[in-house]
Amino acid sequence: MVLSASSAYDEVSSALDRGARAFIAKSVDPLDIPSALRQAWDWTVFYAVGSLPGPEDELRAAGLTECEITMLKALARRLSNRAISQELWVTEQP
């Protein structure tokens, strides 16, 4: 069983491929850890990992921040600078 500060796709996938029975992200509520460990021991809980990382996972792996990813999504929706700044609560730059 792995307890990690990261929940990056590559790390979860690697741990499970190497035989980990469970991968628990450090962000889990500490009160849930005993239950998660029992379920992992009993093989009654599964962490579904997709076969391929999603587009956002690939952007994070490339080093983009959450803010940068949000901006790219807004651009993909063809929002104007003004609409993006209003949506993100930032000042529009000329």
C-alpha atoms as a PDB file:
ATOM      1  CA  MET A   1       0.000   0.000   0.000  1.00  0.00           C
ATOM      2  CA  VAL A   2       1.287   3.437  -0.906  1.00  0.00           C
ATOM      3  CA  LEU A   3       0.574   6.720   0.878  1.00  0.00           C
ATOM      4  CA  SER A   4       1.813   9.614  -1.226  1.00  0.00           C
ATOM      5  CA  ALA A   5       1.696  13.407  -1.303  1.00  0.00           C
ATOM      6  CA  SER A   6       1.246  13.155  -5.055  1.00  0.00           C
ATOM      7  CA  SER A   7      -1.659  11.750  -6.998  1.00  0.00           C
ATOM      8  CA  ALA A   8      -0.086  12.184 -10.427  1.00  0.00           C
ATOM      9  CA  TYR A   9      -1.237   9.620 -12.954  1.00  0.00           C
ATOM     10  CA  ASP A  10       2.283   8.312 -13.618  1.00  0.00           C
ATOM     11  CA  GLU A  11       2.991   7.727  -9.920  1.00  0.00           C
ATOM     12  CA  VAL A  12      -0.335   6.002  -9.220  1.00  0.00           C
ATOM     13  CA  SER A  13       0.016   3.832 -12.306  1.00  0.00           C
ATOM     14  CA  SER A  14       3.633   2.955 -11.487  1.00  0.00           C
ATOM     15  CA  ALA A  15       2.815   1.994  -7.896  1.00  0.00           C
ATOM     16  CA  LEU A  16      -0.082  -0.239  -8.955  1.00  0.00           C
ATOM     17  CA  ASP A  17       1.956  -1.792 -11.779  1.00  0.00           C
ATOM     18  CA  ARG A  18       4.685  -2.661  -9.258  1.00  0.00           C
ATOM     19  CA  GLY A  19       2.259  -4.534  -7.066  1.00  0.00           C
ATOM     20  CA  ALA A  20       0.821  -1.970  -4.673  1.00  0.00           C
ATOM     21  CA  ARG A  21      -2.553  -3.089  -3.450  1.00  0.00           C
ATOM     22  CA  ALA A  22      -3.717   0.481  -2.870  1.00  0.00           C
ATOM     23  CA  PHE A  23      -2.620   4.037  -3.528  1.00  0.00           C
ATOM     24  CA  ILE A  24      -3.828   6.573  -0.988  1.00  0.00           C
ATOM     25  CA  ALA A  25      -3.241  10.252  -1.670  1.00  0.00           C
ATOM     26  CA  LYS A  26      -2.034  12.259   1.312  1.00  0.00           C
ATOM     27  CA  SER A  27      -4.947  14.645   0.801  1.00  0.00           C
ATOM     28  CA  VAL A  28      -7.383  11.966   2.008  1.00  0.00           C
ATOM     29  CA  ASP A  29      -9.253  12.681   5.223  1.00  0.00           C
ATOM     30  CA  PRO A  30      -7.130  11.043   7.968  1.00  0.00           C
ATOM     31  CA  LEU A  31     -10.284   9.500   9.436  1.00  0.00           C
ATOM     32  CA  ASP A  32     -10.768   7.563   6.176  1.00  0.00           C
ATOM     33  CA  ILE A  33      -7.308   5.952   6.178  1.00  0.00           C
ATOM     34  CA  PRO A  34      -8.133   2.981   8.465  1.00  0.00           C
ATOM     35  CA  SER A  35     -11.162   2.115   6.336  1.00  0.00           C
ATOM     36  CA  ALA A  36      -9.176   2.473   3.102  1.00  0.00           C
ATOM     37  CA  LEU A  37      -6.463   0.175   4.477  1.00  0.00           C
ATOM     38  CA  ARG A  38      -9.018  -2.455   5.544  1.00  0.00           C
ATOM     39  CA  GLN A  39     -10.714  -2.326   2.141  1.00  0.00           C
ATOM     40  CA  ALA A  40      -7.389  -2.604   0.332  1.00  0.00           C
ATOM     41  CA  TRP A  41      -6.417  -5.567   2.496  1.00  0.00           C
ATOM     42  CA  ASP A  42      -9.745  -7.276   1.739  1.00  0.00           C
ATOM     43  CA  TRP A  43      -9.520  -6.394  -1.976  1.00  0.00           C
ATOM     44  CA  THR A  44     -12.913  -4.691  -1.773  1.00  0.00           C
ATOM     45  CA  VAL A  45     -11.898  -1.297  -3.153  1.00  0.00           C
ATOM     46  CA  PHE A  46     -10.409  -0.451  -6.513  1.00  0.00           C
ATOM     47  CA  TYR A  47      -8.831   2.694  -7.883  1.00  0.00           C
ATOM     48  CA  ALA A  48      -9.754   2.873 -11.524  1.00  0.00           C
ATOM     49  CA  VAL A  49      -6.861   4.230 -13.531  1.00  0.00           C
ATOM     50  CA  GLY A  50      -7.588   4.969 -17.162  1.00  0.00           C
ATOM     51  CA  SER A  51      -5.403   3.406 -19.785  1.00  0.00           C
ATOM     52  CA  LEU A  52      -4.078   6.785 -20.868  1.00  0.00           C
ATOM     53  CA  PRO A  53      -3.646  10.076 -19.053  1.00  0.00           C
ATOM     54  CA  GLY A  54      -6.175  12.728 -19.933  1.00  0.00           C
ATOM     55  CA  PRO A  55      -5.307  15.986 -21.687  1.00  0.00           C
ATOM     56  CA  GLU A  56      -5.056  17.901 -18.407  1.00  0.00           C
ATOM     57  CA  ASP A  57      -2.683  15.283 -16.982  1.00  0.00           C
ATOM     58  CA  GLU A  58      -0.447  15.714 -20.000  1.00  0.00           C
ATOM     59  CA  LEU A  59      -0.494  19.498 -19.608  1.00  0.00           C
ATOM     60  CA  ARG A  60       0.442  19.189 -15.924  1.00  0.00           C
ATOM     61  CA  ALA A  61       3.236  16.776 -16.835  1.00  0.00           C
ATOM     62  CA  ALA A  62       4.498  19.401 -19.299  1.00  0.00           C
ATOM     63  CA  GLY A  63       4.763  21.845 -16.383  1.00  0.00           C
ATOM     64  CA  LEU A  64       1.650  23.983 -16.821  1.00  0.00           C
ATOM     65  CA  THR A  65       0.000  25.365 -13.702  1.00  0.00           C
ATOM     66  CA  GLU A  66      -3.711  25.015 -12.927  1.00  0.00           C
ATOM     67  CA  CYS A  67      -4.150  28.697 -13.826  1.00  0.00           C
ATOM     68  CA  GLU A  68      -2.472  28.188 -17.191  1.00  0.00           C
ATOM     69  CA  ILE A  69      -4.647  25.152 -17.902  1.00  0.00           C
ATOM     70  CA  THR A  70      -7.760  27.156 -17.011  1.00  0.00           C
ATOM     71  CA  MET A  71      -6.627  29.908 -19.397  1.00  0.00           C
ATOM     72  CA  LEU A  72      -6.107  27.399 -22.211  1.00  0.00           C
ATOM     73  CA  LYS A  73      -9.586  25.984 -21.653  1.00  0.00           C
ATOM     74  CA  ALA A  74     -11.044  29.486 -21.818  1.00  0.00           C
ATOM     75  CA  LEU A  75      -9.155  30.161 -25.045  1.00  0.00           C
ATOM     76  CA  ALA A  76     -10.403  26.861 -26.477  1.00  0.00           C
ATOM     77  CA  ARG A  77     -13.941  28.067 -25.734  1.00  0.00           C
ATOM     78  CA  ARG A  78     -13.064  31.152 -27.807  1.00  0.00           C
ATOM     79  CA  LEU A  79     -13.616  33.581 -24.944  1.00  0.00           C
ATOM     80  CA  SER A  80     -12.358  37.134 -25.336  1.00  0.00           C
ATOM     81  CA  ASN A  81      -9.701  38.601 -23.046  1.00  0.00           C
ATOM     82  CA  ARG A  82     -12.444  40.539 -21.261  1.00  0.00           C
ATOM     83  CA  ALA A  83     -14.565  37.390 -20.723  1.00  0.00           C
ATOM     84  CA  ILE A  84     -11.547  35.428 -19.487  1.00  0.00           C
ATOM     85  CA  SER A  85     -10.555  38.169 -17.056  1.00  0.00           C
ATOM     86  CA  GLN A  86     -14.096  38.348 -15.699  1.00  0.00           C
ATOM     87  CA  GLU A  87     -14.323  34.573 -15.360  1.00  0.00           C
ATOM     88  CA  LEU A  88     -10.979  34.340 -13.543  1.00  0.00           C
ATOM     89  CA  TRP A  89     -11.456  37.514 -11.499  1.00  0.00           C
ATOM     90  CA  VAL A  90      -8.291  39.141 -12.805  1.00  0.00           C
ATOM     91  CA  THR A  91      -7.647  42.507 -14.432  1.00  0.00           C
ATOM     92  CA  GLU A  92      -7.767  42.516 -18.205  1.00  0.00           C
ATOM     93  CA  GLN A  93      -4.406  43.315 -19.767  1.00  0.00           C
ATOM     94  CA  PRO A  94      -4.322  45.435 -22.942  1.00  0.00           C
END
